[in-house]
């Protein structure tokens, strides 16, 4: 999508004439992601994308004349903290503030925990990156995602491993989270359906950085490829350990590793690594003016999940425009019934909140940067 079209979309979403300031008051969108601790970078990139989209909306009249206020909530990548933070949202509602939505969480574990409370609140939840399959199988009426589910990711990744890389024997390594375990189990099933097999299934700790015990197990399994389901806080160290041990078979990491830290923290070993992703890199989908606008709002460069945050607010705003109201139920109905133009493409929803025709992108680290190899 060209920048000109992005600006046209922003004007349409505003519901008012171009250049008019919002005049009816504020509508609050909470962004619940890790903003401190070991996964802060991922959360901050999502928040930056939401902030840019909100700034564009407010410059063109806001949402139906209301100014969009983005309010961060730090879930610290901890499910107990995520649940405790919901009290701030409840206080805002009880205090008479117009809370429209929560964009979050970054991780499936925190989304699963907080949705037990969100499902009974008069707001929408749009996750930018949570992919655990059961989230859309629990009957939530106010939950949507702008990313593919792990079922889609597992199918694409298994096909890439078997058909593109020629791997039949795959060592499947995963971290001990709902996300890591669930994605690994789905990938094993998909491999078997394509004539491959998981010759090793190995669980590691979330945030683990040393792999002296695990690397020999991977070597002993003699795989054609290694798949890792986890985050950027483990992937670079696992990759570096494998390369140092002379393991030269291809390695594919899941979407949780699609951040610059995977390259930066791998001690030069990330070259050649494949990573699957829920959205293209910003440089592949936006032009220089979008990047400059992001830098003006955030004072930093966008990273991979910035696109997801931006698109999440675009989808929410278009639902409001099509509903002609800020009522959560009306907006949810509009999201399910219509298509929604975004920086990525036109998104459409299934009744359960999953995307129709959800996509996964495959990247490879080439010359120290993510380069797209498959869409």
Protein backbone atom coordinates (compact mmCIF):
# COMPACT_ATOMS: atom_id res chain seq x y z
CA UNK A 1 0.00 0.00 0.00
CA UNK A 2 1.45 3.41 -0.92
CA UNK A 3 1.80 6.16 1.66
CA UNK A 4 -0.78 8.19 -0.23
CA UNK A 5 -3.30 5.41 0.21
CA UNK A 6 -2.38 5.07 3.88
CA UNK A 7 -3.16 8.75 4.37
CA UNK A 8 -6.45 8.41 2.50
CA UNK A 9 -7.40 5.52 4.78
CA UNK A 10 -6.48 7.63 7.82
CA UNK A 11 -8.74 10.43 6.65
CA UNK A 12 -11.61 8.02 6.07
CA UNK A 13 -11.18 6.52 9.52
CA UNK A 14 -11.39 9.93 11.13
CA UNK A 15 -15.05 10.36 10.29
CA UNK A 16 -14.50 14.13 10.01
CA UNK A 17 -13.02 16.53 7.50
CA UNK A 18 -9.26 16.44 6.99
CA UNK A 19 -7.31 18.66 9.34
CA UNK A 20 -10.09 19.08 11.92
CA UNK A 21 -9.21 18.56 15.55
CA UNK A 22 -11.30 16.09 17.59
CA UNK A 23 -14.06 18.00 19.38
CA UNK A 24 -16.25 15.58 21.35
CA UNK A 25 -13.93 14.41 24.11
CA UNK A 26 -11.65 11.42 24.54
CA UNK A 27 -11.91 7.72 23.84
CA UNK A 28 -9.32 5.52 25.51
CA UNK A 29 -7.45 2.60 23.93
CA UNK A 30 -5.27 0.65 26.35
CA UNK A 31 -2.15 -1.06 24.98
CA UNK A 32 -1.31 -4.00 27.26
CA UNK A 33 2.15 -5.32 26.42
CA UNK A 34 5.49 -5.83 28.19
CA UNK A 35 7.14 -2.43 28.54
CA UNK A 36 9.78 -3.41 31.08
CA UNK A 37 11.80 -6.53 31.69
CA UNK A 38 13.22 -9.07 29.28
CA UNK A 39 10.53 -8.70 26.58
CA UNK A 40 10.16 -4.93 26.70
CA UNK A 41 11.44 -4.34 23.18
CA UNK A 42 8.65 -6.37 21.60
CA UNK A 43 5.98 -4.55 23.57
CA UNK A 44 7.47 -1.15 22.86
CA UNK A 45 7.40 -1.79 19.11
CA UNK A 46 3.68 -2.62 19.28
CA UNK A 47 3.00 0.50 21.35
CA UNK A 48 4.88 2.63 18.84
CA UNK A 49 2.73 1.38 15.98
CA UNK A 50 -0.46 2.12 17.93
CA UNK A 51 0.76 5.60 18.80
CA UNK A 52 1.52 6.44 15.17
CA UNK A 53 -1.93 5.26 14.04
CA UNK A 54 -3.58 7.28 16.83
CA UNK A 55 -1.65 10.39 15.90
CA UNK A 56 -2.77 10.08 12.28
CA UNK A 57 -6.37 9.57 13.37
CA UNK A 58 -6.35 12.58 15.67
CA UNK A 59 -4.85 14.82 12.98
CA UNK A 60 -7.84 13.96 10.78
CA UNK A 61 -10.60 14.38 13.35
CA UNK A 62 -10.25 11.36 15.61
CA UNK A 63 -12.83 8.58 15.88
CA UNK A 64 -16.27 10.03 15.12
CA UNK A 65 -14.93 13.31 16.48
CA UNK A 66 -13.40 11.84 19.65
CA UNK A 67 -9.69 12.13 20.37
CA UNK A 68 -7.96 8.75 20.64
CA UNK A 69 -5.96 8.52 23.87
CA UNK A 70 -3.42 5.68 23.92
CA UNK A 71 -2.79 4.46 27.47
CA UNK A 72 0.04 1.94 27.98
CA UNK A 73 -0.23 -0.94 30.46
CA UNK A 74 2.93 -2.86 31.32
CA UNK A 75 2.14 -6.57 31.71
CA UNK A 76 5.85 -7.40 32.19
CA UNK A 77 5.32 -10.57 30.11
CA UNK A 78 3.80 -12.09 33.27
CA UNK A 79 0.26 -13.47 33.38
CA UNK A 80 -0.33 -12.55 37.03
CA UNK A 81 0.72 -8.98 36.31
CA UNK A 82 -1.49 -8.89 33.22
CA UNK A 83 -4.51 -9.91 35.28
CA UNK A 84 -3.68 -7.38 38.00
CA UNK A 85 -3.40 -4.58 35.44
CA UNK A 86 -7.00 -5.12 34.35
CA UNK A 87 -8.00 -3.25 37.51
CA UNK A 88 -6.71 -0.03 35.93
CA UNK A 89 -9.07 -0.56 33.00
CA UNK A 90 -11.96 -1.26 35.34
CA UNK A 91 -11.21 1.91 37.30
CA UNK A 92 -11.27 3.93 34.08
CA UNK A 93 -14.66 2.46 33.18
CA UNK A 94 -16.02 3.00 36.68
CA UNK A 95 -14.76 6.58 36.60
CA UNK A 96 -16.85 7.32 33.53
CA UNK A 97 -14.08 7.27 30.94
CA UNK A 98 -15.00 6.00 27.50
CA UNK A 99 -12.78 2.92 27.13
CA UNK A 100 -13.14 1.45 23.66
CA UNK A 101 -10.58 -1.34 23.51
CA UNK A 102 -7.46 -3.12 24.65
CA UNK A 103 -4.78 -3.76 22.07
CA UNK A 104 -2.82 -6.66 23.52
CA UNK A 105 -1.29 -8.74 24.72
CA UNK A 106 1.99 -9.47 23.01
CA UNK A 107 2.14 -13.05 24.30
CA UNK A 108 -0.57 -15.69 24.25
CA UNK A 109 -0.14 -16.57 27.92
CA UNK A 110 -1.01 -13.08 29.10
CA UNK A 111 -3.87 -12.82 26.61
CA UNK A 112 -5.34 -16.13 27.77
CA UNK A 113 -5.18 -15.04 31.41
CA UNK A 114 -6.60 -11.55 30.91
CA UNK A 115 -9.39 -12.62 28.53
CA UNK A 116 -11.14 -14.32 31.45
CA UNK A 117 -11.80 -10.78 32.71
CA UNK A 118 -11.99 -8.91 29.40
CA UNK A 119 -14.78 -11.16 28.12
CA UNK A 120 -17.21 -9.63 30.60
CA UNK A 121 -16.23 -6.01 30.02
CA UNK A 122 -17.82 -3.54 27.56
CA UNK A 123 -14.78 -3.25 25.32
CA UNK A 124 -13.01 -4.91 22.41
CA UNK A 125 -9.74 -6.82 22.57
CA UNK A 126 -7.53 -6.87 19.48
CA UNK A 127 -4.28 -8.75 19.87
CA UNK A 128 -1.40 -7.78 17.60
CA UNK A 129 0.55 -11.02 17.98
CA UNK A 130 -1.05 -13.63 20.29
CA UNK A 131 -1.37 -16.79 18.24
CA UNK A 132 -2.33 -19.64 20.59
CA UNK A 133 -5.11 -21.48 18.78
CA UNK A 134 -7.59 -21.89 21.65
CA UNK A 135 -8.01 -18.13 22.05
CA UNK A 136 -10.57 -18.14 19.25
CA UNK A 137 -12.17 -21.40 20.33
CA UNK A 138 -13.48 -20.22 23.70
CA UNK A 139 -16.57 -18.37 22.56
CA UNK A 140 -15.32 -14.85 23.19
CA UNK A 141 -17.49 -12.31 21.38
CA UNK A 142 -15.17 -9.33 21.84
CA UNK A 143 -11.83 -10.86 20.79
CA UNK A 144 -10.03 -10.42 17.45
CA UNK A 145 -6.50 -10.83 16.18
CA UNK A 146 -4.64 -9.18 13.33
CA UNK A 147 -2.17 -12.06 13.09
CA UNK A 148 -2.41 -15.66 12.01
CA UNK A 149 -3.04 -18.39 14.56
CA UNK A 150 -0.50 -21.06 15.41
CA UNK A 151 -2.48 -23.54 13.32
CA UNK A 152 -1.73 -21.44 10.25
CA UNK A 153 1.87 -20.84 11.28
CA UNK A 154 2.52 -24.54 11.90
CA UNK A 155 1.16 -25.48 8.48
CA UNK A 156 3.25 -22.85 6.67
CA UNK A 157 6.40 -23.62 8.64
CA UNK A 158 6.09 -27.39 8.16
CA UNK A 159 5.55 -26.91 4.44
CA UNK A 160 8.62 -24.66 4.26
CA UNK A 161 10.75 -27.16 6.16
CA UNK A 162 9.69 -30.17 4.10
CA UNK A 163 9.07 -28.72 0.64
CA UNK A 164 11.53 -25.82 0.49
CA UNK A 165 14.36 -27.02 2.71
CA UNK A 166 13.95 -30.73 1.98
CA UNK A 167 13.96 -31.62 5.68
CA UNK A 168 12.41 -34.93 6.70
CA UNK A 169 13.99 -35.26 10.15
CA UNK A 170 13.34 -32.17 12.27
CA UNK A 171 14.51 -31.45 15.80
CA UNK A 172 11.62 -29.53 17.40
CA UNK A 173 12.73 -27.34 20.30
CA UNK A 174 10.31 -25.12 22.21
CA UNK A 175 10.11 -22.97 25.32
CA UNK A 176 7.93 -23.86 28.30
CA UNK A 177 5.08 -21.44 27.58
CA UNK A 178 1.55 -22.02 26.29
CA UNK A 179 2.74 -20.56 23.01
CA UNK A 180 5.88 -22.65 22.66
CA UNK A 181 4.28 -25.95 23.65
CA UNK A 182 1.18 -25.41 21.55
CA UNK A 183 3.02 -24.38 18.40
CA UNK A 184 5.48 -27.25 18.72
CA UNK A 185 2.68 -29.81 19.04
CA UNK A 186 0.95 -28.43 15.96
CA UNK A 187 4.18 -28.43 13.98
CA UNK A 188 4.83 -32.08 14.83
CA UNK A 189 1.38 -32.97 13.48
CA UNK A 190 1.94 -30.97 10.31
CA UNK A 191 5.33 -32.57 9.71
CA UNK A 192 3.83 -36.04 9.96
CA UNK A 193 1.11 -35.14 7.47
CA UNK A 194 3.79 -34.11 4.98
CA UNK A 195 5.93 -37.21 5.37
CA UNK A 196 8.37 -35.71 7.84
CA UNK A 197 8.96 -36.50 11.48
CA UNK A 198 10.08 -34.85 14.67
CA UNK A 199 13.18 -36.86 15.59
CA UNK A 200 13.49 -34.87 18.82
CA UNK A 201 11.03 -32.86 20.91
CA UNK A 202 12.94 -30.80 23.47
CA UNK A 203 11.57 -28.27 25.95
CA UNK A 204 13.72 -25.40 27.26
CA UNK A 205 13.12 -22.62 29.75
CA UNK A 206 11.63 -19.27 28.75
CA UNK A 207 14.53 -16.82 28.78
CA UNK A 208 17.19 -19.56 28.74
CA UNK A 209 20.56 -18.41 27.43
CA UNK A 210 22.86 -21.43 27.80
CA UNK A 211 22.40 -24.77 26.01
CA UNK A 212 25.29 -27.04 27.03
CA UNK A 213 22.94 -29.95 27.73
CA UNK A 214 20.55 -29.41 24.84
CA UNK A 215 23.01 -29.06 21.95
CA UNK A 216 24.40 -32.62 22.33
CA UNK A 217 20.84 -33.98 22.32
CA UNK A 218 20.14 -32.14 19.07
CA UNK A 219 23.36 -33.43 17.53
CA UNK A 220 22.58 -37.00 18.57
CA UNK A 221 19.17 -36.83 16.86
CA UNK A 222 20.92 -36.13 13.50
CA UNK A 223 18.18 -33.84 12.17
CA UNK A 224 17.95 -32.34 8.69
CA UNK A 225 16.74 -29.09 10.26
CA UNK A 226 16.02 -27.49 13.63
CA UNK A 227 12.74 -25.74 14.43
CA UNK A 228 12.47 -23.46 17.45
CA UNK A 229 9.16 -22.27 18.92
CA UNK A 230 9.97 -19.45 21.31
CA UNK A 231 11.04 -15.85 21.66
CA UNK A 232 13.86 -13.51 20.77
CA UNK A 233 15.09 -13.84 24.35
CA UNK A 234 16.19 -17.45 23.70
CA UNK A 235 16.61 -17.82 19.93
CA UNK A 236 19.92 -15.96 19.43
CA UNK A 237 21.63 -17.92 22.20
CA UNK A 238 20.37 -21.26 20.95
CA UNK A 239 21.46 -20.34 17.44
CA UNK A 240 24.91 -19.25 18.62
CA UNK A 241 25.35 -22.47 20.63
CA UNK A 242 24.41 -24.63 17.65
CA UNK A 243 26.75 -22.80 15.29
CA UNK A 244 29.60 -22.98 17.81
CA UNK A 245 29.06 -26.75 18.06
CA UNK A 246 29.26 -27.15 14.30
CA UNK A 247 25.57 -27.83 13.70
CA UNK A 248 25.13 -26.61 10.12
CA UNK A 249 21.63 -27.81 9.22
CA UNK A 250 19.02 -25.10 8.54
CA UNK A 251 17.23 -23.56 11.50
CA UNK A 252 13.75 -22.04 11.38
CA UNK A 253 12.50 -20.02 14.36
CA UNK A 254 8.91 -18.99 14.98
CA UNK A 255 7.34 -15.53 14.96
CA UNK A 256 8.43 -14.88 18.55
CA UNK A 257 11.97 -14.47 17.26
CA UNK A 258 11.13 -11.94 14.56
CA UNK A 259 12.83 -9.00 16.25
CA UNK A 260 16.15 -7.28 15.76
CA UNK A 261 17.45 -8.74 19.03
CA UNK A 262 17.56 -12.19 17.41
CA UNK A 263 20.27 -10.86 15.10
CA UNK A 264 21.95 -8.47 17.52
CA UNK A 265 22.35 -10.96 20.38
CA UNK A 266 23.53 -13.97 18.36
CA UNK A 267 27.24 -13.06 18.46
CA UNK A 268 27.41 -13.04 14.68
CA UNK A 269 25.79 -16.48 14.33
CA UNK A 270 22.37 -15.40 13.05
CA UNK A 271 23.41 -15.37 9.39
CA UNK A 272 21.29 -17.82 7.42
CA UNK A 273 18.68 -18.27 10.15
CA UNK A 274 15.07 -18.49 8.93
CA UNK A 275 12.23 -16.89 10.89
CA UNK A 276 8.48 -16.99 10.28
CA UNK A 277 6.51 -13.80 10.87
CA UNK A 278 2.98 -12.48 11.33
CA UNK A 279 3.64 -9.36 9.27
CA UNK A 280 6.24 -8.08 6.88
CA UNK A 281 9.16 -6.03 8.10
CA UNK A 282 8.22 -2.31 8.10
CA UNK A 283 10.64 -1.61 5.27
CA UNK A 284 8.86 -4.19 3.09
CA UNK A 285 5.38 -2.74 3.54
CA UNK A 286 5.77 1.00 4.18
CA UNK A 287 7.67 3.75 2.41
CA UNK A 288 10.15 6.29 3.74
CA UNK A 289 7.44 8.75 4.78
CA UNK A 290 5.79 6.16 7.05
CA UNK A 291 9.16 5.38 8.61
CA UNK A 292 9.82 9.09 9.16
CA UNK A 293 6.38 9.58 10.70
CA UNK A 294 7.06 6.69 13.09
CA UNK A 295 10.40 8.17 14.10
CA UNK A 296 8.76 11.53 14.75
CA UNK A 297 6.29 9.94 17.17
CA UNK A 298 8.55 7.38 18.84
CA UNK A 299 12.06 8.87 18.44
CA UNK A 300 13.32 5.43 17.40
CA UNK A 301 13.16 3.19 14.37
CA UNK A 302 10.21 0.81 13.98
CA UNK A 303 10.86 -2.87 14.53
CA UNK A 304 8.93 -5.83 13.19
CA UNK A 305 5.92 -5.70 15.53
CA UNK A 306 5.37 -1.98 14.90
CA UNK A 307 3.33 -2.98 11.87
CA UNK A 308 1.10 -5.20 14.03
CA UNK A 309 0.35 -2.41 16.49
CA UNK A 310 -0.39 0.04 13.70
CA UNK A 311 -2.70 -2.39 11.92
CA UNK A 312 -4.53 -3.30 15.14
CA UNK A 313 -5.63 0.31 15.61
CA UNK A 314 -6.43 0.67 11.92
CA UNK A 315 -8.78 -2.32 12.15
CA UNK A 316 -10.40 -0.98 15.32
CA UNK A 317 -10.86 2.46 13.78
CA UNK A 318 -12.41 1.09 10.61
CA UNK A 319 -14.82 -0.99 12.69
CA UNK A 320 -15.89 2.19 14.48
CA UNK A 321 -16.33 4.02 11.18
CA UNK A 322 -18.44 1.24 9.70
CA UNK A 323 -20.51 0.85 12.87
CA UNK A 324 -21.01 4.60 13.14
CA UNK A 325 -20.71 4.20 16.92
CA UNK A 326 -18.23 3.61 19.74
CA UNK A 327 -20.31 0.81 21.24
CA UNK A 328 -18.18 -2.33 21.55
CA UNK A 329 -20.91 -4.72 20.40
CA UNK A 330 -21.72 -2.63 17.35
CA UNK A 331 -18.07 -2.38 16.44
CA UNK A 332 -17.58 -6.14 16.89
CA UNK A 333 -20.50 -6.77 14.54
CA UNK A 334 -19.00 -4.42 11.96
CA UNK A 335 -15.63 -6.14 12.21
CA UNK A 336 -17.20 -9.52 11.44
CA UNK A 337 -19.41 -8.29 8.59
CA UNK A 338 -17.01 -6.16 6.55
CA UNK A 339 -13.50 -5.99 5.17
CA UNK A 340 -11.06 -3.48 6.64
CA UNK A 341 -8.31 -1.65 4.72
CA UNK A 342 -4.95 -1.65 6.51
CA UNK A 343 -1.27 -1.10 5.86
CA UNK A 344 -1.00 -4.82 5.10
CA UNK A 345 -4.08 -5.50 2.99
CA UNK A 346 -7.85 -5.73 3.41
CA UNK A 347 -8.54 -7.88 6.48
CA UNK A 348 -11.71 -9.90 7.01
CA UNK A 349 -12.84 -11.86 10.04
CA UNK A 350 -14.38 -15.19 10.76
CA UNK A 351 -17.14 -15.21 13.42
CA UNK A 352 -14.68 -16.42 16.08
CA UNK A 353 -12.27 -13.49 15.61
CA UNK A 354 -9.70 -15.27 13.46
CA UNK A 355 -8.68 -13.73 10.18
CA UNK A 356 -9.93 -15.05 6.87
CA UNK A 357 -6.93 -15.97 4.70
CA UNK A 358 -4.39 -15.23 7.43
CA UNK A 359 -0.81 -14.98 6.20
CA UNK A 360 2.63 -16.01 7.39
CA UNK A 361 5.82 -14.52 5.97
CA UNK A 362 9.20 -16.30 5.98
CA UNK A 363 12.41 -14.31 6.41
CA UNK A 364 16.09 -15.19 6.39
CA UNK A 365 18.97 -13.32 7.97
CA UNK A 366 21.18 -12.19 5.08
CA UNK A 367 24.08 -9.78 5.61
CA UNK A 368 22.84 -9.10 9.11
CA UNK A 369 19.27 -8.17 8.12
CA UNK A 370 15.94 -9.93 7.73
CA UNK A 371 15.22 -10.51 4.05
CA UNK A 372 11.87 -11.88 2.93
CA UNK A 373 12.10 -15.24 1.15
CA UNK A 374 8.47 -16.35 1.11
CA UNK A 375 5.00 -14.85 1.55
